[in-house]
């Protein structure tokens, strides 16, 4: 693509920026990379209930106010 055309399409007021420098492009590429990684099972999937149990667990490092907050959630 012609850089001038890309500038017009993006319409973000930034001129002469390489496509690979554009934040939107980076975000889209990141999402695509995550999708590919997930399809290749590079990440372990954790059940939602496991996450909640880990959060509401009585951690000794948590302050009393945080413990009360998590207990209310539970």
N, C-alpha and C. Protein backbone atom coordinates (compact mmCIF):
# COMPACT_ATOMS: atom_id res chain seq x y z
N UNK A 1 0.82 -1.19 0.00
CA UNK A 1 0.00 0.00 0.00
C UNK A 1 0.87 1.25 0.00
N UNK A 2 0.39 2.26 -0.64
CA UNK A 2 1.03 3.56 -0.62
C UNK A 2 0.87 4.16 0.78
N UNK A 3 1.97 4.69 1.33
CA UNK A 3 1.92 5.27 2.67
C UNK A 3 0.90 6.40 2.77
N UNK A 4 0.76 7.19 1.72
CA UNK A 4 -0.22 8.28 1.75
C UNK A 4 -1.63 7.72 1.87
N UNK A 5 -1.88 6.62 1.19
CA UNK A 5 -3.20 6.00 1.26
C UNK A 5 -3.47 5.48 2.67
N UNK A 6 -2.46 4.86 3.29
CA UNK A 6 -2.60 4.36 4.66
C UNK A 6 -2.90 5.52 5.60
N UNK A 7 -2.20 6.65 5.42
CA UNK A 7 -2.45 7.83 6.26
C UNK A 7 -3.89 8.29 6.14
N UNK A 8 -4.42 8.28 4.92
CA UNK A 8 -5.80 8.71 4.71
C UNK A 8 -6.80 7.73 5.31
N UNK A 9 -6.52 6.44 5.18
CA UNK A 9 -7.44 5.43 5.70
C UNK A 9 -7.49 5.48 7.22
N UNK A 10 -6.32 5.59 7.86
CA UNK A 10 -6.29 5.61 9.32
C UNK A 10 -6.93 6.88 9.86
N UNK A 11 -6.69 7.99 9.21
CA UNK A 11 -7.32 9.24 9.62
C UNK A 11 -7.02 9.68 11.03
N UNK A 12 -5.87 9.26 11.57
CA UNK A 12 -5.54 9.62 12.95
C UNK A 12 -4.69 10.89 13.05
N UNK A 13 -4.45 11.53 11.89
CA UNK A 13 -3.68 12.77 11.90
C UNK A 13 -2.18 12.57 11.90
N UNK A 14 -1.73 11.35 12.03
CA UNK A 14 -0.30 11.06 12.02
C UNK A 14 0.11 10.77 10.58
N UNK A 15 1.12 11.47 10.11
CA UNK A 15 1.57 11.31 8.73
C UNK A 15 2.94 10.66 8.69
N UNK A 16 3.17 9.83 7.69
CA UNK A 16 4.48 9.23 7.47
C UNK A 16 4.84 8.14 8.46
N UNK A 17 3.89 7.66 9.21
CA UNK A 17 4.15 6.60 10.18
C UNK A 17 4.12 5.26 9.46
N UNK A 18 5.08 4.40 9.79
CA UNK A 18 5.08 3.05 9.24
C UNK A 18 3.91 2.30 9.86
N UNK A 19 3.33 1.41 9.09
CA UNK A 19 2.18 0.66 9.58
C UNK A 19 2.53 -0.12 10.84
N UNK A 20 3.72 -0.73 10.86
CA UNK A 20 4.12 -1.53 12.02
C UNK A 20 4.38 -0.68 13.26
N UNK A 21 4.41 0.64 13.13
CA UNK A 21 4.56 1.54 14.28
C UNK A 21 3.22 2.00 14.84
N UNK A 22 2.15 1.74 14.12
CA UNK A 22 0.83 2.21 14.52
C UNK A 22 0.29 1.38 15.68
N UNK A 23 -0.23 2.04 16.72
CA UNK A 23 -0.72 1.35 17.91
C UNK A 23 -1.88 0.41 17.60
N UNK A 24 -2.78 0.82 16.73
CA UNK A 24 -3.91 -0.05 16.37
C UNK A 24 -3.41 -1.31 15.68
N UNK A 25 -2.47 -1.13 14.79
CA UNK A 25 -1.89 -2.28 14.08
C UNK A 25 -1.22 -3.22 15.08
N UNK A 26 -0.47 -2.65 16.04
CA UNK A 26 0.20 -3.47 17.05
C UNK A 26 -0.81 -4.26 17.87
N UNK A 27 -1.92 -3.63 18.24
CA UNK A 27 -2.95 -4.31 19.03
C UNK A 27 -3.58 -5.44 18.24
N UNK A 28 -3.89 -5.19 16.98
CA UNK A 28 -4.47 -6.25 16.14
C UNK A 28 -3.48 -7.40 16.00
N UNK A 29 -2.21 -7.09 15.78
CA UNK A 29 -1.19 -8.13 15.64
C UNK A 29 -1.06 -8.92 16.93
N UNK A 30 -1.14 -8.24 18.07
CA UNK A 30 -1.06 -8.91 19.36
C UNK A 30 -2.22 -9.88 19.54
N UNK A 31 -3.43 -9.44 19.17
CA UNK A 31 -4.60 -10.31 19.26
C UNK A 31 -4.44 -11.53 18.36
N UNK A 32 -3.92 -11.32 17.17
CA UNK A 32 -3.70 -12.45 16.26
C UNK A 32 -2.66 -13.41 16.82
N UNK A 33 -1.60 -12.88 17.42
CA UNK A 33 -0.57 -13.72 18.02
C UNK A 33 -1.14 -14.53 19.18
N UNK A 34 -1.99 -13.91 20.01
CA UNK A 34 -2.62 -14.63 21.12
C UNK A 34 -3.54 -15.72 20.61
N UNK A 35 -4.27 -15.43 19.55
CA UNK A 35 -5.17 -16.43 18.98
C UNK A 35 -4.38 -17.63 18.47
N UNK A 36 -3.29 -17.37 17.77
CA UNK A 36 -2.45 -18.46 17.26
C UNK A 36 -1.87 -19.26 18.42
N UNK A 37 -1.39 -18.57 19.45
CA UNK A 37 -0.82 -19.26 20.60
C UNK A 37 -1.86 -20.12 21.30
N UNK A 38 -3.08 -19.62 21.42
CA UNK A 38 -4.15 -20.39 22.06
C UNK A 38 -4.50 -21.61 21.22
N UNK A 39 -4.50 -21.43 19.91
CA UNK A 39 -4.81 -22.56 19.03
C UNK A 39 -3.73 -23.62 19.11
N UNK A 40 -2.52 -23.22 19.42
CA UNK A 40 -1.42 -24.16 19.54
C UNK A 40 -1.27 -24.66 20.97
N UNK A 41 -2.23 -24.33 21.82
CA UNK A 41 -2.24 -24.76 23.22
C UNK A 41 -0.96 -24.39 23.95
N UNK A 42 -0.50 -23.17 23.74
CA UNK A 42 0.68 -22.70 24.47
C UNK A 42 0.30 -22.21 25.86
N UNK A 43 -0.97 -22.00 26.10
CA UNK A 43 -1.43 -21.50 27.38
C UNK A 43 -2.28 -22.56 28.06
N UNK A 44 -2.13 -22.66 29.37
CA UNK A 44 -2.99 -23.54 30.15
C UNK A 44 -4.29 -22.81 30.43
N UNK A 45 -5.38 -23.50 30.25
CA UNK A 45 -6.68 -22.90 30.53
C UNK A 45 -7.06 -23.22 31.97
N UNK A 46 -7.55 -22.22 32.66
CA UNK A 46 -7.92 -22.36 34.06
C UNK A 46 -9.42 -22.13 34.16
N UNK A 47 -10.07 -23.03 34.85
CA UNK A 47 -11.51 -22.94 35.06
C UNK A 47 -11.83 -21.70 35.90
N UNK A 48 -12.92 -21.05 35.62
CA UNK A 48 -13.32 -19.83 36.34
C UNK A 48 -13.47 -20.11 37.83
N UNK A 49 -14.03 -21.25 38.18
CA UNK A 49 -14.21 -21.59 39.59
C UNK A 49 -12.86 -21.70 40.30
N UNK A 50 -11.84 -22.21 39.62
CA UNK A 50 -10.51 -22.30 40.21
C UNK A 50 -9.93 -20.91 40.50
N UNK A 51 -10.17 -19.99 39.60
CA UNK A 51 -9.69 -18.62 39.79
C UNK A 51 -10.38 -17.99 40.99
N UNK A 52 -11.68 -18.17 41.09
CA UNK A 52 -12.43 -17.59 42.21
C UNK A 52 -11.98 -18.20 43.53
N UNK A 53 -11.80 -19.52 43.56
CA UNK A 53 -11.33 -20.16 44.79
C UNK A 53 -9.96 -19.62 45.19
N UNK A 54 -9.09 -19.39 44.23
CA UNK A 54 -7.76 -18.85 44.53
C UNK A 54 -7.86 -17.44 45.08
N UNK A 55 -8.80 -16.66 44.57
CA UNK A 55 -8.95 -15.28 45.05
C UNK A 55 -9.54 -15.21 46.45
N UNK A 56 -10.50 -16.06 46.74
CA UNK A 56 -11.18 -15.98 48.03
C UNK A 56 -10.48 -16.81 49.10
N UNK A 57 -9.41 -17.49 48.74
CA UNK A 57 -8.64 -18.27 49.70
C UNK A 57 -8.11 -17.34 50.78
N UNK A 58 -8.04 -17.81 52.00
CA UNK A 58 -7.59 -16.98 53.12
C UNK A 58 -6.06 -16.86 53.08
N UNK A 59 -5.57 -15.96 52.27
CA UNK A 59 -4.14 -15.76 52.14
C UNK A 59 -3.61 -15.01 53.35
N UNK A 60 -2.54 -15.50 53.92
CA UNK A 60 -1.97 -14.85 55.10
C UNK A 60 -1.35 -13.49 54.77
N UNK A 61 -0.98 -13.29 53.50
CA UNK A 61 -0.35 -12.03 53.11
C UNK A 61 -1.34 -10.88 52.94
N UNK A 62 -2.61 -11.18 52.83
CA UNK A 62 -3.61 -10.15 52.58
C UNK A 62 -3.93 -9.37 53.85
N UNK A 63 -4.21 -8.10 53.67
CA UNK A 63 -4.64 -7.29 54.81
C UNK A 63 -6.06 -7.71 55.19
N UNK A 64 -6.46 -7.34 56.39
CA UNK A 64 -7.80 -7.69 56.87
C UNK A 64 -8.89 -7.10 55.99
N UNK A 65 -8.68 -5.88 55.51
CA UNK A 65 -9.70 -5.26 54.66
C UNK A 65 -9.86 -6.02 53.35
N UNK A 66 -8.75 -6.49 52.79
CA UNK A 66 -8.83 -7.27 51.54
C UNK A 66 -9.51 -8.61 51.79
N UNK A 67 -9.20 -9.23 52.92
CA UNK A 67 -9.83 -10.51 53.26
C UNK A 67 -11.35 -10.34 53.38
N UNK A 68 -11.76 -9.26 54.05
CA UNK A 68 -13.20 -9.01 54.20
C UNK A 68 -13.85 -8.77 52.85
N UNK A 69 -13.16 -8.05 51.97
CA UNK A 69 -13.69 -7.79 50.62
C UNK A 69 -13.92 -9.11 49.88
N UNK A 70 -12.94 -9.99 49.92
CA UNK A 70 -13.07 -11.27 49.22
C UNK A 70 -14.12 -12.17 49.87
N UNK A 71 -14.24 -12.09 51.21
CA UNK A 71 -15.26 -12.89 51.89
C UNK A 71 -16.66 -12.41 51.50
N UNK A 72 -16.84 -11.11 51.33
CA UNK A 72 -18.14 -10.60 50.88
C UNK A 72 -18.44 -11.09 49.47
N UNK A 73 -17.42 -11.15 48.63
CA UNK A 73 -17.60 -11.64 47.26
C UNK A 73 -18.03 -13.10 47.27
N UNK A 74 -17.42 -13.85 48.17
CA UNK A 74 -17.71 -15.29 48.25
C UNK A 74 -19.15 -15.50 48.65
